[in-house]
Protein backbone atom coordinates (compact mmCIF):
# COMPACT_ATOMS: atom_id res chain seq x y z
CA UNK A 1 -22.73 -51.62 -5.08
CA UNK A 2 -25.18 -49.47 -2.95
CA UNK A 3 -27.47 -52.16 -1.61
CA UNK A 4 -24.39 -54.36 -0.07
CA UNK A 5 -25.38 -55.60 3.11
CA UNK A 6 -21.94 -55.65 5.27
CA UNK A 7 -23.53 -57.23 8.02
CA UNK A 8 -25.22 -60.30 5.76
CA UNK A 9 -21.32 -60.28 3.85
CA UNK A 10 -19.51 -60.90 7.22
CA UNK A 11 -22.05 -63.41 8.39
CA UNK A 12 -21.27 -65.27 5.30
CA UNK A 13 -17.35 -65.19 5.87
CA UNK A 14 -17.97 -65.98 9.54
CA UNK A 15 -19.92 -68.99 8.83
CA UNK A 16 -17.35 -70.04 5.96
CA UNK A 17 -14.39 -69.57 7.87
CA UNK A 18 -15.72 -71.59 11.18
CA UNK A 19 -16.25 -74.60 8.85
CA UNK A 20 -12.45 -74.72 8.25
CA UNK A 21 -11.43 -73.86 12.18
CA UNK A 22 -11.17 -70.61 12.41
CA UNK A 23 -12.27 -68.44 15.58
CA UNK A 24 -14.57 -65.63 14.39
CA UNK A 25 -13.65 -62.23 17.08
CA UNK A 26 -16.16 -58.80 17.39
CA UNK A 27 -14.02 -56.09 16.65
CA UNK A 28 -15.49 -53.59 19.13
CA UNK A 29 -19.49 -53.89 20.39
CA UNK A 30 -21.31 -52.53 17.57
CA UNK A 31 -25.22 -52.74 17.64
CA UNK A 32 -25.68 -51.42 14.29
CA UNK A 33 -23.11 -52.96 11.57
CA UNK A 34 -21.00 -55.49 13.89
CA UNK A 35 -17.55 -55.98 12.74
CA UNK A 36 -15.69 -58.72 13.07
CA UNK A 37 -11.68 -60.61 12.79
CA UNK A 38 -10.64 -63.70 12.69
CA UNK A 39 -8.05 -65.94 13.93
CA UNK A 40 -6.41 -69.15 12.57
CA UNK A 41 -3.82 -71.47 13.54
CA UNK A 42 -1.58 -70.28 17.05
CA UNK A 43 1.66 -70.42 16.39
CA UNK A 44 5.15 -69.77 18.61
CA UNK A 45 6.95 -69.02 15.36
CA UNK A 46 6.70 -65.02 14.52
CA UNK A 47 8.24 -66.06 10.96
CA UNK A 48 5.16 -67.81 10.52
CA UNK A 49 2.26 -65.09 11.69
CA UNK A 50 0.43 -62.83 8.91
CA UNK A 51 -1.56 -59.96 9.16
CA UNK A 52 -4.62 -59.44 6.58
CA UNK A 53 -6.62 -56.80 6.06
CA UNK A 54 -9.11 -55.16 4.11
CA UNK A 55 -12.53 -52.75 3.79
CA UNK A 56 -11.40 -50.08 4.88
CA UNK A 57 -12.55 -47.90 2.10
CA UNK A 58 -15.99 -48.81 1.18
CA UNK A 59 -15.97 -48.12 -2.23
CA UNK A 60 -13.04 -50.54 -2.84
CA UNK A 61 -15.21 -53.94 -3.24
CA UNK A 62 -12.44 -56.65 -4.09
CA UNK A 63 -10.25 -56.41 -0.73
CA UNK A 64 -13.36 -58.21 1.05
CA UNK A 65 -14.25 -60.57 -1.63
CA UNK A 66 -10.45 -61.57 -1.71
CA UNK A 67 -10.64 -62.34 1.70
CA UNK A 68 -14.08 -64.38 1.59
CA UNK A 69 -12.30 -66.31 -1.53
CA UNK A 70 -8.85 -67.11 0.25
CA UNK A 71 -10.95 -68.28 3.23
CA UNK A 72 -13.45 -70.36 0.79
CA UNK A 73 -11.18 -71.67 -1.86
CA UNK A 74 -7.73 -71.64 -1.18
CA UNK A 75 -5.48 -73.62 0.72
CA UNK A 76 -2.57 -70.66 1.03
CA UNK A 77 -3.37 -69.89 4.86
CA UNK A 78 -3.82 -73.29 5.77
CA UNK A 79 -0.44 -73.52 7.83
CA UNK A 80 -0.03 -70.18 8.69
CA UNK A 81 -1.06 -68.20 11.85
CA UNK A 82 -3.39 -65.55 10.13
CA UNK A 83 -5.02 -62.48 11.79
CA UNK A 84 -7.33 -61.37 9.24
CA UNK A 85 -9.88 -58.04 9.71
CA UNK A 86 -12.05 -58.32 6.74
CA UNK A 87 -14.03 -55.31 6.62
CA UNK A 88 -13.00 -52.51 8.69
CA UNK A 89 -15.64 -49.60 7.17
CA UNK A 90 -19.17 -51.00 7.02
CA UNK A 91 -20.91 -47.90 7.09
CA UNK A 92 -18.88 -46.74 4.38
CA UNK A 93 -19.85 -50.44 2.20
CA UNK A 94 -22.88 -49.73 2.59
CA UNK A 95 -23.11 -45.96 1.40
CA UNK A 96 -20.27 -47.03 -1.05
CA UNK A 97 -17.97 -43.94 0.06
CA UNK A 98 -14.46 -44.21 1.06
CA UNK A 99 -15.49 -42.66 4.28
CA UNK A 100 -17.17 -43.56 7.25
CA UNK A 101 -20.61 -42.71 7.87
CA UNK A 102 -19.17 -39.75 9.56
CA UNK A 103 -17.40 -38.60 6.58
CA UNK A 104 -14.19 -39.60 7.94
CA UNK A 105 -11.21 -41.50 5.75
CA UNK A 106 -10.14 -44.63 8.12
CA UNK A 107 -6.82 -44.45 6.30
CA UNK A 108 -5.62 -41.62 7.59
CA UNK A 109 -6.65 -41.86 11.00
CA UNK A 110 -3.61 -44.00 12.81
CA UNK A 111 -1.40 -41.90 14.20
CA UNK A 112 -3.88 -39.80 16.71
CA UNK A 113 -7.10 -41.83 15.79
CA UNK A 114 -10.32 -39.85 16.73
CA UNK A 115 -12.56 -42.61 14.82
CA UNK A 116 -14.40 -45.40 17.31
CA UNK A 117 -13.44 -48.02 14.24
CA UNK A 118 -9.96 -46.79 14.62
CA UNK A 119 -9.30 -47.02 18.46
CA UNK A 120 -11.05 -50.11 18.43
CA UNK A 121 -9.05 -51.83 15.67
CA UNK A 122 -5.85 -50.27 17.23
CA UNK A 123 -6.84 -52.11 20.76
CA UNK A 124 -7.19 -54.96 19.52
CA UNK A 125 -3.88 -55.01 17.76
CA UNK A 126 -2.20 -54.19 20.67
CA UNK A 127 -3.04 -57.70 22.03
CA UNK A 128 -1.73 -59.14 19.28
CA UNK A 129 1.88 -60.31 18.77
CA UNK A 130 4.42 -59.18 16.36
CA UNK A 131 3.75 -60.04 12.59
CA UNK A 132 6.25 -61.44 10.01
CA UNK A 133 4.73 -59.32 7.51
CA UNK A 134 1.37 -57.16 6.95
CA UNK A 135 -0.42 -56.91 3.60
CA UNK A 136 -3.40 -54.55 3.28
CA UNK A 137 -5.82 -54.84 0.30
CA UNK A 138 -7.10 -51.62 -1.63
CA UNK A 139 -8.10 -50.61 -4.80
CA UNK A 140 -7.45 -47.80 -7.15
CA UNK A 141 -10.11 -46.16 -9.18
CA UNK A 142 -7.93 -43.74 -11.29
CA UNK A 143 -5.43 -47.02 -11.82
CA UNK A 144 -5.66 -49.38 -15.18
CA UNK A 145 -3.62 -51.90 -13.94
CA UNK A 146 -2.61 -53.41 -9.97
CA UNK A 147 0.41 -52.12 -8.16
CA UNK A 148 1.82 -52.31 -4.59
CA UNK A 149 3.48 -50.73 -2.11
CA UNK A 150 6.58 -52.16 0.03
CA UNK A 151 7.70 -51.15 3.70
CA UNK A 152 10.49 -53.29 4.51
CA UNK A 153 13.31 -52.50 6.88
CA UNK A 154 14.63 -56.37 6.93
CA UNK A 155 18.18 -57.23 5.96
CA UNK A 156 17.20 -60.07 3.44
CA UNK A 157 15.77 -60.04 -0.14
CA UNK A 158 11.24 -59.09 0.49
CA UNK A 159 8.97 -61.45 -1.61
CA UNK A 160 8.33 -58.42 -3.30
CA UNK A 161 8.86 -60.40 -6.75
CA UNK A 162 6.88 -63.41 -6.01
CA UNK A 163 3.52 -61.17 -4.95
CA UNK A 164 4.07 -59.43 -8.31
CA UNK A 165 4.36 -62.17 -10.22
CA UNK A 166 1.08 -63.74 -8.74
CA UNK A 167 -0.84 -60.94 -9.17
CA UNK A 168 0.44 -60.43 -13.43
CA UNK A 169 -0.95 -63.52 -14.21
CA UNK A 170 -4.66 -61.85 -13.27
CA UNK A 171 -4.45 -58.43 -14.64
CA UNK A 172 -1.78 -56.42 -16.16
CA UNK A 173 0.48 -53.93 -14.61
CA UNK A 174 -0.33 -49.73 -13.86
CA UNK A 175 2.32 -48.47 -16.18
CA UNK A 176 2.07 -44.91 -14.40
CA UNK A 177 5.59 -43.95 -13.06
CA UNK A 178 4.39 -41.63 -10.35
CA UNK A 179 1.18 -42.81 -8.39
CA UNK A 180 0.03 -40.54 -5.75
CA UNK A 181 2.45 -38.49 -5.51
CA UNK A 182 5.29 -41.63 -5.12
CA UNK A 183 7.65 -42.93 -7.68
CA UNK A 184 6.79 -46.48 -8.76
CA UNK A 185 9.32 -48.54 -10.93
CA UNK A 186 7.17 -51.15 -12.84
CA UNK A 187 4.32 -51.29 -10.76
CA UNK A 188 6.15 -51.27 -7.49
CA UNK A 189 6.40 -48.49 -4.72
CA UNK A 190 9.60 -49.03 -2.54
CA UNK A 191 8.65 -46.50 0.53
CA UNK A 192 11.83 -46.50 2.81
CA UNK A 193 10.53 -45.75 6.25
CA UNK A 194 12.45 -42.51 6.51
CA UNK A 195 11.73 -39.51 9.07
CA UNK A 196 9.76 -37.64 6.99
CA UNK A 197 7.22 -40.29 7.22
CA UNK A 198 6.81 -40.50 10.67
CA UNK A 199 6.56 -36.57 10.52
CA UNK A 200 3.41 -37.00 8.53
CA UNK A 201 -0.24 -36.29 11.01
CA UNK A 202 -2.77 -38.71 9.05
CA UNK A 203 -0.76 -41.72 9.13
CA UNK A 204 -2.01 -44.83 6.84
CA UNK A 205 -3.30 -47.91 8.43
CA UNK A 206 0.23 -49.53 7.08
CA UNK A 207 2.41 -47.11 8.59
CA UNK A 208 1.11 -47.78 11.86
CA UNK A 209 1.45 -51.53 11.51
CA UNK A 210 5.08 -50.77 10.03
CA UNK A 211 5.71 -49.03 13.08
CA UNK A 212 4.41 -51.02 16.04
CA UNK A 213 4.20 -54.67 14.18
CA UNK A 214 6.17 -55.51 11.33
CA UNK A 215 9.60 -55.05 9.44
CA UNK A 216 7.59 -55.94 6.31
CA UNK A 217 4.41 -54.30 4.94
CA UNK A 218 2.47 -54.66 1.54
CA UNK A 219 -0.39 -52.66 0.17
CA UNK A 220 -1.77 -54.22 -2.90
CA UNK A 221 -4.04 -52.12 -5.21
CA UNK A 222 -6.35 -53.29 -7.95
CA UNK A 223 -7.90 -51.00 -10.94
CA UNK A 224 -11.51 -50.83 -9.70
CA UNK A 225 -13.02 -49.56 -12.59
CA UNK A 226 -10.68 -51.09 -15.06
CA UNK A 227 -11.49 -55.15 -14.19
CA UNK A 228 -14.28 -57.05 -13.12
CA UNK A 229 -15.11 -57.72 -9.27
CA UNK A 230 -14.33 -61.35 -10.22
CA UNK A 231 -10.66 -60.31 -11.67
CA UNK A 232 -9.73 -58.08 -9.03
CA UNK A 233 -10.49 -60.10 -6.24
CA UNK A 234 -8.77 -63.01 -7.59
CA UNK A 235 -5.63 -60.88 -8.57
CA UNK A 236 -5.26 -59.57 -4.66
CA UNK A 237 -6.21 -63.16 -3.10
CA UNK A 238 -3.37 -64.30 -5.58
CA UNK A 239 -0.79 -61.54 -3.88
CA UNK A 240 -1.70 -62.72 -0.81
CA UNK A 241 -1.12 -66.52 -1.75
CA UNK A 242 2.27 -65.68 -3.27
CA UNK A 243 3.07 -64.16 0.23
CA UNK A 244 1.97 -66.97 2.06
CA UNK A 245 3.62 -69.62 0.27
CA UNK A 246 6.74 -67.73 0.90
CA UNK A 247 6.46 -67.36 4.42
CA UNK A 248 5.76 -71.13 4.35
CA UNK A 249 9.34 -71.76 2.66
CA UNK A 250 11.23 -69.96 4.83
């Protein structure tokens, strides 16, 4: 996917979003490879606010396509207030690299942000309200199936099972019991927000969100080499849809 045009893709996504009542905003002030973020349906009820992001790693292609699919084909987002950041790393996508054009993994830059992309993202996040949940869409080239991370400090049972079951209709679950150094139980990695997490210097986006913006955070992962782009995007979109349905039912 070295010919991927990040600007053209975002223009396609923005056009689809505008037709469906979304507000399209610029993320920063880039003359080359502009970035956008989308907002839909303001709500005074914090339990109805959902944050979605993807495209922070340029070699993980299914997330932005899942975002487009959710906007174009899916009604799950209709009744919630949604904040959607569909492509946080356009230069990485155009180079087909995990890192940005400067060779930095943006998903390790959220504690003491050094990159312009991360700084501008955090600046916008600081203007937004608290979210009922956050969900970050990713891929794993080493995986053979999907899996998910859960960061949860809620006193109630989270909708992890519903998300898992929705994704399992499209792809097999990852069978590994140790993923990136974390224990996985049936494709679910439950990460408690203990002191050891907050001591790490290279925060990912999900940890920043869990610290400042939500009590319930998910990271969904699909196998970037073991399934087609359409299958992976559909699987990620199904996970997001399941979370949306659960939030609407609460």
